[in-house]
């Protein structure tokens, strides 16, 4: 199990424990200190989960994919203008993308 998954599980456990602590300390009487403590711990766990998710996200943003596609299209246009067969060129690129996605 990787460390990201362990952190997410720990945060989920902290959420459950924090909510139980908030409920128990509220039911036990007028203990604002305990309620605030459990609330702050739960809030910190939420911030940790957000930060870990943001930092470890490996998916590319669509803007970058669009920029790469535009650059590739410009290169195709240059090669076609130079005399290359567009259908064969696009077939070659499609095959290269399929080969790259398998590895």
Protein backbone atom coordinates (compact mmCIF):
# COMPACT_ATOMS: atom_id res chain seq x y z
CA UNK A 1 0.00 0.00 0.00
CA UNK A 2 1.45 3.37 -0.94
CA UNK A 3 1.86 6.28 1.45
CA UNK A 4 -0.86 8.37 -0.23
CA UNK A 5 -3.45 5.69 0.46
CA UNK A 6 -2.27 5.37 4.06
CA UNK A 7 -2.61 9.13 4.57
CA UNK A 8 -6.12 9.08 3.10
CA UNK A 9 -7.13 6.19 5.36
CA UNK A 10 -5.65 7.99 8.38
CA UNK A 11 -7.58 11.15 7.47
CA UNK A 12 -10.82 9.16 7.14
CA UNK A 13 -10.19 7.62 10.55
CA UNK A 14 -9.51 11.07 11.97
CA UNK A 15 -12.79 12.35 10.50
CA UNK A 16 -14.77 9.54 12.10
CA UNK A 17 -12.93 9.87 15.41
CA UNK A 18 -13.24 13.64 15.38
CA UNK A 19 -16.97 13.55 14.77
CA UNK A 20 -17.41 10.96 17.52
CA UNK A 21 -15.34 13.15 19.82
CA UNK A 22 -17.39 16.22 19.00
CA UNK A 23 -20.65 14.37 19.64
CA UNK A 24 -19.43 12.70 22.84
CA UNK A 25 -17.95 15.89 24.31
CA UNK A 26 -21.10 17.83 23.42
CA UNK A 27 -23.33 15.21 25.04
CA UNK A 28 -21.12 15.01 28.14
CA UNK A 29 -21.87 18.57 29.12
CA UNK A 30 -20.63 22.07 28.56
CA UNK A 31 -17.10 21.22 27.35
CA UNK A 32 -16.35 23.80 24.68
CA UNK A 33 -12.64 23.06 24.95
CA UNK A 34 -13.05 19.41 24.00
CA UNK A 35 -15.51 20.24 21.21
CA UNK A 36 -13.15 22.84 19.75
CA UNK A 37 -10.17 20.49 20.06
CA UNK A 38 -11.89 17.68 18.19
CA UNK A 39 -13.19 20.18 15.62
CA UNK A 40 -9.72 21.60 14.99
CA UNK A 41 -8.22 18.11 14.67
CA UNK A 42 -10.91 17.20 12.14
CA UNK A 43 -10.30 20.44 10.21
CA UNK A 44 -6.54 19.81 10.11
CA UNK A 45 -7.18 16.31 8.76
CA UNK A 46 -9.34 17.85 6.01
CA UNK A 47 -6.57 20.29 5.07
CA UNK A 48 -4.00 17.47 5.02
CA UNK A 49 -6.27 15.42 2.74
CA UNK A 50 -6.74 18.37 0.36
CA UNK A 51 -3.00 19.07 0.22
CA UNK A 52 -2.07 15.42 -0.33
CA UNK A 53 -4.66 15.08 -3.10
CA UNK A 54 -3.47 18.26 -4.81
CA UNK A 55 0.23 17.41 -4.62
CA UNK A 56 -0.02 13.77 -5.70
CA UNK A 57 -2.46 14.25 -8.57
CA UNK A 58 -0.77 12.82 -11.66
CA UNK A 59 -3.39 13.64 -14.27
CA UNK A 60 -2.59 16.37 -16.74
CA UNK A 61 -4.79 19.42 -16.95
CA UNK A 62 -6.86 19.61 -20.15
CA UNK A 63 -5.17 22.90 -21.11
CA UNK A 64 -1.82 21.14 -21.43
CA UNK A 65 -3.35 18.38 -23.57
CA UNK A 66 -4.95 20.99 -25.83
CA UNK A 67 -1.62 22.81 -26.21
CA UNK A 68 0.14 19.58 -27.14
CA UNK A 69 -2.61 18.75 -29.65
CA UNK A 70 -2.30 22.20 -31.26
CA UNK A 71 1.47 21.84 -31.52
CA UNK A 72 1.11 18.38 -33.08
CA UNK A 73 -1.48 19.68 -35.54
CA UNK A 74 0.88 22.50 -36.58
CA UNK A 75 3.65 19.95 -37.18
CA UNK A 76 1.28 17.84 -39.28
CA UNK A 77 0.32 20.90 -41.34
CA UNK A 78 4.02 21.67 -41.92
CA UNK A 79 4.74 18.13 -43.11
CA UNK A 80 1.67 18.08 -45.36
CA UNK A 81 2.73 21.44 -46.82
CA UNK A 82 6.12 19.86 -47.49
CA UNK A 83 4.50 17.11 -49.56
CA UNK A 84 3.73 14.32 -47.07
CA UNK A 85 0.55 12.28 -47.48
CA UNK A 86 -1.82 13.47 -44.74
CA UNK A 87 -3.76 10.20 -44.42
CA UNK A 88 -0.58 8.14 -44.01
CA UNK A 89 0.85 10.67 -41.57
CA UNK A 90 -2.29 10.63 -39.39
CA UNK A 91 -2.33 6.81 -39.49
CA UNK A 92 1.30 6.80 -38.33
CA UNK A 93 0.49 9.14 -35.43
CA UNK A 94 -2.55 7.05 -34.44
CA UNK A 95 -0.39 3.90 -34.38
CA UNK A 96 2.29 5.68 -32.35
CA UNK A 97 -0.31 6.82 -29.79
CA UNK A 98 -1.69 3.29 -29.49
CA UNK A 99 1.82 1.88 -29.01
CA UNK A 100 2.61 4.54 -26.41
CA UNK A 101 -0.57 3.95 -24.42
CA UNK A 102 0.18 0.21 -24.11
CA UNK A 103 3.50 0.78 -22.38
